[in-house]
Amino acid sequence: MSFDELDCLREAVRTPSHEEVGEFRQMILQVCEDNGLEAEVDEAVNLIASKGSGKPHLVLNTHMDTVAPFMEFDEDEE
């Protein structure tokens, strides 16, 4: 299975996260699992994903929420 960055971005943009991030967190969790990462949501509702073993070498820390949309998503396929 190969990861399609553009398809993932399309799905992420279409997934609401401006008031509640649960649906978006679940989408990212599924993307991680589908691509060979061990992913879980901890008791503080953080998404934690890892691959391999040993000490972590890279840590990404970001927000999943976005500002309220002010325009509809529109993609020009040309």
Protein backbone atom coordinates (compact mmCIF):
# COMPACT_ATOMS: atom_id res chain seq x y z
CA MET A 1 0.00 0.00 0.00
CA SER A 2 1.35 3.44 -0.83
CA PHE A 3 0.56 6.68 0.94
CA ASP A 4 -1.03 9.37 -1.24
CA GLU A 5 -0.25 12.73 0.34
CA LEU A 6 -2.74 14.63 -1.81
CA ASP A 7 -5.63 12.28 -0.95
CA CYS A 8 -4.74 12.56 2.74
CA LEU A 9 -4.67 16.36 2.50
CA ARG A 10 -8.03 16.40 0.70
CA GLU A 11 -9.61 14.29 3.43
CA ALA A 12 -8.00 16.38 6.18
CA VAL A 13 -9.27 19.65 4.70
CA ARG A 14 -12.78 18.24 4.37
CA THR A 15 -12.85 16.95 7.97
CA PRO A 16 -14.25 19.56 10.37
CA SER A 17 -12.01 20.44 13.32
CA HIS A 18 -12.95 24.00 14.23
CA GLU A 19 -15.24 23.16 17.15
CA GLU A 20 -14.48 19.51 18.02
CA VAL A 21 -11.38 17.58 16.94
CA GLY A 22 -12.61 14.03 17.62
CA GLU A 23 -13.47 13.21 14.01
CA PHE A 24 -10.19 14.66 12.75
CA ARG A 25 -8.19 12.83 15.44
CA GLN A 26 -9.86 9.56 14.42
CA MET A 27 -9.04 10.22 10.74
CA ILE A 28 -5.37 10.85 11.55
CA LEU A 29 -5.29 7.79 13.83
CA GLN A 30 -6.59 5.66 10.95
CA VAL A 31 -4.06 7.16 8.51
CA CYS A 32 -1.26 6.29 10.95
CA GLU A 33 -2.48 2.72 11.46
CA ASP A 34 -3.04 2.20 7.72
CA ASN A 35 0.58 3.21 7.12
CA GLY A 36 2.28 0.93 9.60
CA LEU A 37 2.48 3.13 12.68
CA GLU A 38 1.45 2.05 16.14
CA ALA A 39 -1.08 4.73 17.09
CA GLU A 40 -3.23 5.35 20.14
CA VAL A 41 -5.13 8.08 21.90
CA ASP A 42 -3.97 8.45 25.50
CA GLU A 43 -6.00 9.39 28.58
CA ALA A 44 -5.41 13.11 27.87
CA VAL A 45 -6.79 12.56 24.32
CA ASN A 46 -3.39 13.10 22.70
CA LEU A 47 -2.70 11.11 19.54
CA ILE A 48 0.56 9.23 19.95
CA ALA A 49 2.06 7.33 17.02
CA SER A 50 5.36 5.52 16.76
CA LYS A 51 7.26 3.19 14.49
CA GLY A 52 10.06 0.92 15.57
CA SER A 53 11.46 0.67 19.05
CA GLY A 54 13.88 2.44 21.32
CA LYS A 55 14.05 6.11 22.16
CA PRO A 56 12.10 8.52 19.96
CA HIS A 57 14.18 10.43 17.44
CA LEU A 58 11.50 12.80 16.21
CA VAL A 59 8.62 14.38 18.07
CA LEU A 60 5.93 16.42 16.32
CA ASN A 61 3.68 18.62 18.40
CA THR A 62 0.79 20.43 16.75
CA HIS A 63 -2.81 21.48 17.15
CA MET A 64 -5.57 19.54 15.40
CA ASP A 65 -8.12 22.32 15.61
CA THR A 66 -8.57 24.98 12.97
CA VAL A 67 -10.29 28.33 12.79
CA ALA A 68 -13.91 28.36 11.67
CA PRO A 69 -14.15 28.07 7.87
CA PHE A 70 -14.88 31.25 5.98
CA MET A 71 -15.20 29.68 2.54
CA GLU A 72 -16.08 26.28 1.14
CA PHE A 73 -13.35 23.86 0.09
CA ASP A 74 -12.94 23.93 -3.68
CA GLU A 75 -10.26 22.13 -5.61
CA ASP A 76 -9.39 22.94 -9.19
CA GLU A 77 -8.48 19.62 -10.83
CA GLU A 78 -6.75 21.23 -13.81
